[in-house]
Protein backbone atom coordinates (compact mmCIF):
# COMPACT_ATOMS: atom_id res chain seq x y z
CA MET A 1 2.30 10.62 24.24
CA ALA A 2 2.80 13.48 21.76
CA THR A 3 0.42 16.28 21.90
CA GLN A 4 -2.37 16.46 19.30
CA LYS A 5 -1.60 18.95 16.50
CA THR A 6 -3.70 20.75 13.96
CA GLY A 7 -1.65 19.30 11.23
CA LEU A 8 1.89 19.10 9.65
CA ARG A 9 2.29 20.50 6.17
CA ASP A 10 5.08 20.18 3.58
CA LEU A 11 6.58 22.82 1.22
CA PHE A 12 3.38 22.45 -1.10
CA GLY A 13 0.99 22.60 1.73
CA ARG A 14 0.29 18.92 1.77
CA LEU A 15 -0.80 17.61 5.30
CA LEU A 16 0.57 14.54 6.82
CA GLN A 17 -2.44 12.26 7.31
CA ASP A 18 -1.63 8.94 6.54
CA VAL A 19 1.18 6.49 7.43
CA ARG A 20 2.08 3.14 6.05
CA ILE A 21 4.44 0.98 8.43
CA SER A 22 6.17 -2.17 6.99
CA VAL A 23 6.59 -4.82 9.58
CA THR A 24 8.40 -7.12 7.56
CA ASP A 25 10.67 -7.26 4.15
CA ARG A 26 9.68 -10.98 3.81
CA CYS A 27 6.99 -12.36 1.47
CA ASN A 28 5.61 -15.83 0.46
CA PHE A 29 5.04 -14.32 -3.10
CA ARG A 30 7.59 -13.40 -5.81
CA CYS A 31 5.55 -10.95 -7.81
CA PRO A 32 7.60 -9.85 -10.78
CA TYR A 33 6.55 -6.18 -10.04
CA CYS A 34 7.70 -6.12 -6.61
CA MET A 35 10.04 -9.16 -5.59
CA PRO A 36 11.06 -10.85 -8.82
CA ALA A 37 12.05 -14.57 -8.11
CA GLU A 38 15.19 -14.47 -10.02
CA ILE A 39 16.47 -11.95 -7.54
CA PHE A 40 14.95 -12.90 -4.41
CA GLY A 41 15.92 -16.50 -4.58
CA GLU A 42 16.16 -19.20 -1.68
CA ARG A 43 19.52 -17.63 -0.71
CA TYR A 44 18.49 -13.99 -0.72
CA GLN A 45 19.44 -12.54 2.87
CA PHE A 46 16.36 -10.54 4.24
CA LEU A 47 16.80 -8.33 7.38
CA PRO A 48 17.67 -10.26 10.75
CA GLN A 49 15.25 -9.79 13.65
CA SER A 50 17.69 -7.38 15.35
CA GLU A 51 17.45 -4.89 12.39
CA ILE A 52 13.82 -4.47 12.12
CA LEU A 53 11.53 -2.54 14.37
CA SER A 54 10.14 -4.13 17.43
CA PHE A 55 6.33 -4.11 18.26
CA GLU A 56 7.14 -1.58 20.88
CA GLU A 57 9.06 0.67 18.58
CA ILE A 58 6.32 0.66 15.90
CA THR A 59 3.73 1.60 18.51
CA ARG A 60 5.98 4.26 19.72
CA LEU A 61 6.18 5.60 16.41
CA ALA A 62 2.57 5.39 15.66
CA HIS A 63 1.94 7.44 18.89
CA VAL A 64 4.12 10.18 17.54
CA PHE A 65 2.58 10.22 14.17
CA VAL A 66 -0.83 10.48 15.73
CA GLY A 67 0.40 13.27 17.73
CA LEU A 68 1.50 15.08 14.58
CA GLY A 69 -2.02 14.76 13.06
CA VAL A 70 -2.16 11.35 11.37
CA THR A 71 -5.41 9.61 11.58
CA LYS A 72 -4.69 6.66 9.28
CA ILE A 73 -1.97 4.02 9.62
CA ARG A 74 -1.83 0.87 7.33
CA ILE A 75 0.27 -2.13 8.19
CA THR A 76 2.22 -3.57 5.05
CA GLY A 77 5.33 -5.44 4.26
CA GLY A 78 6.48 -7.53 2.31
CA GLU A 79 3.72 -9.82 3.54
CA PRO A 80 2.81 -8.54 6.85
CA LEU A 81 1.01 -11.82 8.11
CA LEU A 82 4.60 -13.43 8.02
CA ARG A 83 5.31 -11.33 10.85
CA SER A 84 5.13 -13.58 13.98
CA ASN A 85 2.27 -12.59 16.52
CA LEU A 86 1.13 -9.79 14.37
CA PRO A 87 -2.39 -9.54 16.32
CA GLU A 88 -0.29 -8.45 19.29
CA LEU A 89 0.99 -5.31 17.38
CA ILE A 90 -2.62 -4.53 16.18
CA GLN A 91 -3.89 -4.72 19.71
CA MET A 92 -1.08 -2.32 20.91
CA MET A 93 -1.86 0.07 18.19
CA SER A 94 -5.53 -0.07 18.31
CA ASN A 95 -5.35 1.59 21.69
CA ILE A 96 -3.85 4.76 20.43
CA ASP A 97 -6.26 7.78 20.92
CA GLY A 98 -6.80 9.78 17.77
CA LEU A 99 -6.02 6.80 15.49
CA GLU A 100 -9.22 6.54 13.41
CA ASP A 101 -8.46 3.84 10.86
CA LEU A 102 -6.07 0.92 11.29
CA SER A 103 -5.89 -1.28 8.19
CA LEU A 104 -3.59 -3.90 6.56
CA THR A 105 -2.49 -4.81 3.13
CA THR A 106 -2.01 -8.54 2.46
CA ASN A 107 -1.90 -10.88 -0.42
CA GLY A 108 -4.49 -12.90 1.55
CA TYR A 109 -2.64 -16.37 1.46
CA LEU A 110 -2.39 -16.72 5.29
CA LEU A 111 -5.60 -14.53 6.05
CA PRO A 112 -8.19 -17.31 6.65
CA GLN A 113 -6.47 -18.62 9.58
CA MET A 114 -5.59 -15.10 11.07
CA ALA A 115 -8.67 -12.87 10.14
CA HIS A 116 -10.61 -13.46 13.46
CA SER A 117 -7.72 -12.71 15.90
CA LEU A 118 -6.74 -9.75 13.96
CA LYS A 119 -10.21 -8.52 14.24
CA GLU A 120 -10.42 -9.30 17.81
CA ALA A 121 -7.18 -7.41 18.36
CA GLY A 122 -8.63 -4.32 16.79
CA LEU A 123 -7.89 -4.22 12.95
CA ASN A 124 -10.57 -2.12 11.09
CA ARG A 125 -10.06 -3.27 7.62
CA VAL A 126 -8.17 -5.09 4.97
CA THR A 127 -6.91 -4.60 1.43
CA ILE A 128 -6.37 -7.84 -0.54
CA SER A 129 -4.13 -8.17 -3.56
CA LEU A 130 -5.48 -10.18 -6.49
CA ASP A 131 -4.19 -9.83 -9.88
CA SER A 132 -6.37 -12.30 -11.85
CA LEU A 133 -9.12 -14.97 -11.45
CA ASP A 134 -7.26 -17.24 -14.04
CA ASP A 135 -5.26 -19.54 -12.02
CA ASP A 136 -2.48 -19.65 -14.77
CA VAL A 137 -2.22 -15.94 -14.95
CA PHE A 138 -2.51 -15.43 -11.14
CA GLY A 139 0.41 -18.04 -10.78
CA GLU A 140 2.61 -16.13 -13.16
CA MET A 141 1.76 -12.79 -11.29
CA ASN A 142 2.38 -14.31 -7.98
CA GLY A 143 5.68 -15.93 -9.08
CA ARG A 144 4.75 -19.09 -7.06
CA GLY A 145 2.22 -20.82 -9.13
CA PHE A 146 -0.22 -20.27 -6.34
CA GLY A 147 -3.91 -20.68 -7.21
CA VAL A 148 -6.89 -18.25 -6.69
CA ASP A 149 -9.13 -20.17 -4.53
CA LYS A 150 -7.12 -19.52 -1.22
CA ILE A 151 -7.38 -15.65 -1.85
CA LEU A 152 -11.20 -15.99 -2.55
CA GLU A 153 -11.45 -17.85 0.70
CA ALA A 154 -9.59 -14.96 2.52
CA ILE A 155 -11.91 -12.34 0.89
CA ASP A 156 -14.98 -14.35 2.15
CA VAL A 157 -13.41 -14.74 5.76
CA ALA A 158 -12.52 -11.22 5.89
CA GLU A 159 -16.22 -10.25 4.96
CA LYS A 160 -17.52 -12.58 7.59
CA GLU A 161 -15.19 -11.04 10.22
CA GLU A 162 -16.31 -7.51 9.04
CA LEU A 163 -12.87 -6.43 8.13
CA THR A 164 -14.58 -4.02 5.81
CA PRO A 165 -14.76 -2.27 3.51
CA ILE A 166 -12.79 -4.69 1.80
CA LYS A 167 -10.72 -3.39 -1.23
CA ILE A 168 -9.13 -5.73 -3.82
CA ASN A 169 -5.87 -4.35 -5.38
CA THR A 170 -5.06 -5.51 -9.11
CA VAL A 171 -2.01 -4.33 -10.61
CA VAL A 172 -2.58 -4.34 -14.28
CA LYS A 173 0.27 -5.25 -16.58
CA ARG A 174 0.04 -5.31 -20.44
CA GLY A 175 0.39 -8.65 -22.18
CA VAL A 176 0.12 -10.36 -18.72
CA ASN A 177 -3.13 -10.07 -17.08
CA ASP A 178 -4.87 -7.19 -18.89
CA HIS A 179 -7.00 -9.68 -20.84
CA THR A 180 -8.34 -11.20 -17.64
CA LEU A 181 -9.75 -7.98 -16.06
CA MET A 182 -13.42 -8.27 -17.23
CA ASP A 183 -13.63 -11.48 -15.18
CA LEU A 184 -12.58 -9.61 -12.11
CA ILE A 185 -15.05 -6.92 -12.78
CA GLU A 186 -18.01 -9.31 -13.31
CA HIS A 187 -16.79 -11.42 -10.14
CA PHE A 188 -16.72 -8.48 -7.82
CA LYS A 189 -19.57 -6.39 -9.46
CA GLY A 190 -22.49 -6.67 -7.16
CA SER A 191 -20.50 -7.64 -4.04
CA ASN A 192 -19.54 -5.65 -1.12
CA GLN A 193 -15.86 -5.56 -1.99
CA ILE A 194 -14.34 -2.71 -3.97
CA LEU A 195 -12.15 -3.79 -6.93
CA ARG A 196 -9.31 -1.19 -7.58
CA LEU A 197 -7.41 -1.49 -10.77
CA ILE A 198 -3.62 -0.02 -10.51
CA GLU A 199 -1.57 1.20 -13.27
CA TYR A 200 1.85 -0.68 -13.29
CA MET A 201 4.28 1.52 -11.57
CA ASP A 202 8.05 1.89 -11.78
CA VAL A 203 8.45 1.43 -8.07
CA GLY A 204 12.10 0.57 -7.19
CA THR A 205 14.64 -0.61 -9.91
CA LEU A 206 14.43 -4.41 -9.75
CA ASN A 207 11.19 -4.94 -11.89
CA GLY A 208 12.47 -3.79 -15.29
CA TRP A 209 9.64 -1.35 -15.70
CA GLN A 210 8.89 -0.14 -19.07
CA MET A 211 6.12 2.59 -20.04
CA ASP A 212 4.86 0.26 -22.71
CA GLU A 213 3.70 -2.16 -20.32
CA VAL A 214 1.38 0.27 -18.56
CA VAL A 215 -2.50 -0.15 -19.39
CA PRO A 216 -3.76 3.67 -18.75
CA SER A 217 -6.73 3.53 -16.60
CA LYS A 218 -8.69 5.83 -19.15
CA SER A 219 -8.60 2.91 -21.68
CA ILE A 220 -9.81 0.46 -19.12
CA VAL A 221 -12.86 2.92 -17.85
CA GLU A 222 -13.79 3.12 -21.53
CA SER A 223 -13.88 -0.67 -21.84
CA ILE A 224 -15.89 -1.32 -18.87
CA ASN A 225 -18.19 1.46 -19.75
CA GLU A 226 -19.12 -0.22 -22.92
CA LYS A 227 -20.36 -3.36 -21.17
CA TYR A 228 -21.31 -2.07 -17.76
CA PRO A 229 -22.08 1.70 -17.68
CA ILE A 230 -20.24 3.66 -15.12
CA SER A 231 -19.97 7.12 -13.76
CA PRO A 232 -17.40 9.04 -11.83
CA LYS A 233 -18.29 9.15 -7.99
CA GLN A 234 -17.10 11.80 -5.65
CA LYS A 235 -14.20 11.23 -3.46
CA THR A 236 -14.75 11.09 0.21
CA LYS A 237 -11.26 12.98 0.61
CA ASN A 238 -9.15 14.85 -2.14
CA SER A 239 -6.33 12.89 -0.75
CA GLU A 240 -7.66 9.44 -1.78
CA THR A 241 -5.28 7.83 -4.31
CA ALA A 242 -8.19 6.11 -6.30
CA ASP A 243 -10.60 7.87 -8.82
CA ARG A 244 -13.99 6.32 -7.75
CA TYR A 245 -16.64 5.10 -10.03
CA GLN A 246 -20.06 3.57 -9.60
CA TYR A 247 -22.03 1.33 -11.69
CA ASN A 248 -25.10 3.10 -13.03
CA ASP A 249 -27.42 0.20 -11.98
CA GLY A 250 -26.37 0.64 -8.40
CA THR A 251 -24.40 -2.86 -8.10
CA GLY A 252 -21.30 -1.19 -6.26
CA GLU A 253 -18.13 0.75 -7.13
CA LEU A 254 -14.77 0.55 -8.74
CA GLY A 255 -11.44 2.44 -8.27
CA PHE A 256 -8.66 3.38 -10.34
CA ILE A 257 -5.12 4.17 -9.30
CA SER A 258 -3.40 6.06 -12.07
CA SER A 259 -0.23 7.46 -10.75
CA VAL A 260 1.50 7.00 -14.14
CA SER A 261 -0.96 8.52 -16.72
CA GLU A 262 -2.73 10.86 -14.17
CA PRO A 263 -0.38 11.61 -11.25
CA PHE A 264 -1.80 12.77 -7.86
CA CYS A 265 1.11 14.20 -6.08
CA ALA A 266 -0.52 17.39 -5.51
CA SER A 267 -2.84 15.61 -3.16
CA CYS A 268 -0.55 13.18 -1.59
CA THR A 269 -0.60 13.12 2.33
CA ARG A 270 1.11 9.76 2.96
CA ALA A 271 4.46 8.81 4.56
CA ARG A 272 6.04 5.39 4.94
CA VAL A 273 8.22 3.65 7.56
CA SER A 274 10.39 0.91 6.11
CA THR A 275 10.93 -2.44 8.10
CA ASP A 276 14.17 -1.05 9.35
CA GLY A 277 12.87 2.27 10.51
CA LYS A 278 13.68 4.71 7.75
CA LEU A 279 11.02 7.36 6.96
CA PHE A 280 10.09 7.92 3.43
CA THR A 281 7.94 10.80 2.06
CA CYS A 282 7.35 9.04 -1.40
CA LEU A 283 6.81 5.71 -2.86
CA PHE A 284 9.55 6.60 -5.32
CA ALA A 285 12.09 7.98 -3.05
CA SER A 286 15.67 6.86 -3.07
CA ASP A 287 16.63 7.83 0.50
CA GLY A 288 14.82 7.99 3.97
CA MET A 289 15.56 9.32 7.14
CA ASP A 290 16.76 6.73 9.66
CA LEU A 291 14.52 6.85 12.64
CA MET A 292 15.89 3.68 14.31
CA PRO A 293 18.62 5.18 16.30
CA LEU A 294 16.21 7.64 17.94
CA VAL A 295 13.58 5.15 18.72
CA ARG A 296 16.17 2.74 20.22
CA ASP A 297 18.02 5.54 22.30
CA THR A 298 16.60 5.19 25.81
CA SER A 299 17.45 9.00 26.36
CA THR A 300 15.42 10.13 23.28
CA THR A 301 12.17 11.55 24.07
CA ASP A 302 8.90 11.47 21.73
CA LYS A 303 9.56 15.06 21.19
CA ASP A 304 12.91 14.38 19.74
CA ILE A 305 11.24 11.87 17.35
CA GLU A 306 8.38 14.46 16.68
CA ASN A 307 11.09 17.06 15.79
CA ALA A 308 12.92 14.83 13.39
CA ILE A 309 9.66 13.81 11.54
CA THR A 310 8.49 17.41 11.46
CA SER A 311 11.91 18.56 9.87
CA VAL A 312 11.64 15.93 7.18
CA TRP A 313 7.85 16.62 6.29
CA GLU A 314 8.34 20.37 6.49
CA HIS A 315 11.13 20.19 3.96
CA ARG A 316 9.08 17.64 1.58
CA SER A 317 9.03 18.55 -2.06
CA ASP A 318 8.35 15.15 -3.65
CA GLN A 319 6.38 15.00 -6.99
CA TYR A 320 8.00 12.11 -8.62
CA SER A 321 4.97 10.98 -10.84
CA GLU A 322 4.43 14.64 -12.00
CA GLU A 323 8.04 14.80 -12.88
CA ARG A 324 7.98 11.36 -14.77
CA THR A 325 5.00 12.26 -16.64
CA ALA A 326 6.61 15.58 -17.76
CA GLN A 327 9.33 13.72 -19.45
CA THR A 328 9.28 13.01 -23.24
CA ASN A 329 11.14 9.72 -22.94
CA GLU A 330 9.46 6.53 -21.78
CA GLN A 331 11.51 5.85 -18.79
CA SER A 332 11.64 7.33 -15.27
CA PRO A 333 13.11 10.96 -15.06
CA SER A 334 16.44 9.94 -13.82
CA ASN A 335 18.49 6.95 -13.31
CA LYS A 336 18.68 7.26 -9.48
CA SER A 337 17.91 4.17 -7.46
CA LYS A 338 14.61 3.94 -5.64
CA VAL A 339 13.56 2.28 -2.66
CA GLU A 340 12.03 -1.28 -3.46
CA MET A 341 8.30 -1.77 -2.89
CA TYR A 342 8.78 -4.88 -0.69
CA GLN A 343 10.68 -2.40 1.88
CA ILE A 344 7.88 0.17 2.33
CA GLY A 345 4.66 -1.47 1.11
CA GLY A 346 2.55 -0.19 -1.89
């Protein structure tokens, strides 16, 4: 096992503290902002089993990351619950000394039948995606016409299994679901779940992102405050992506992730590992370092993998969102390709 270190810093002094690991590139939804159905149809060829990280390989990487100072790991996809025998991986990772927070992001559709086994295996908490409580709008957003009831059931089951605190992620897209936000706010106000409203981002190159489809968090905060007064709440850590707000009447909190209108690159402490073992240091990166050959080479030591990760992070200078915001046009700051969200999670 890698030796615990005090922390690994990039060129801007940002620590490596959080890692997201994608366990599958497959998904049962076809959300237009991530995996549009017109591109990812029935004939789309996802990665074969031989080209994705095994549970043993993922656990080995997790050990190395924790040795470098990482304390939080989130399992993502695609839809991670489509990965066969996922509780086995959770159990393997939950035994890593120094890993303080092991969580999972899911669309929730398969969670009701899996929540108990995931909790028993050692999963700490879940984040569930839910873009609207209106069945028609939600069906449009998930690209499959699925209704809301199954996701609400997933939230209830996760609460009973104490996979908490549960965060509910809502991507806000102008003209699609922005008119249904108050329903979500009223539903989760007073609950134990934390609703987080996320600005529609230009992740990848396949979703046809346009700046005018973004609803700035500031305008949403103002709209909510008119009906339900809210106040800013102190972040637990500066590296948290969400700006936290609390209801003035004490009935819970909200989060706003505003990487388009208010970039937080300066405090980003997160790395990502794709399904096929590539290390990305930014959600908007175009290239990643391929760790698969190192992980699969029986002669490679954990120290070799540690050195490779260290070399990448210490040369990291990513600040994509800040660069995008600095542009005067309404598109991304360059036309370069970017890794797709379904390959590395959100």
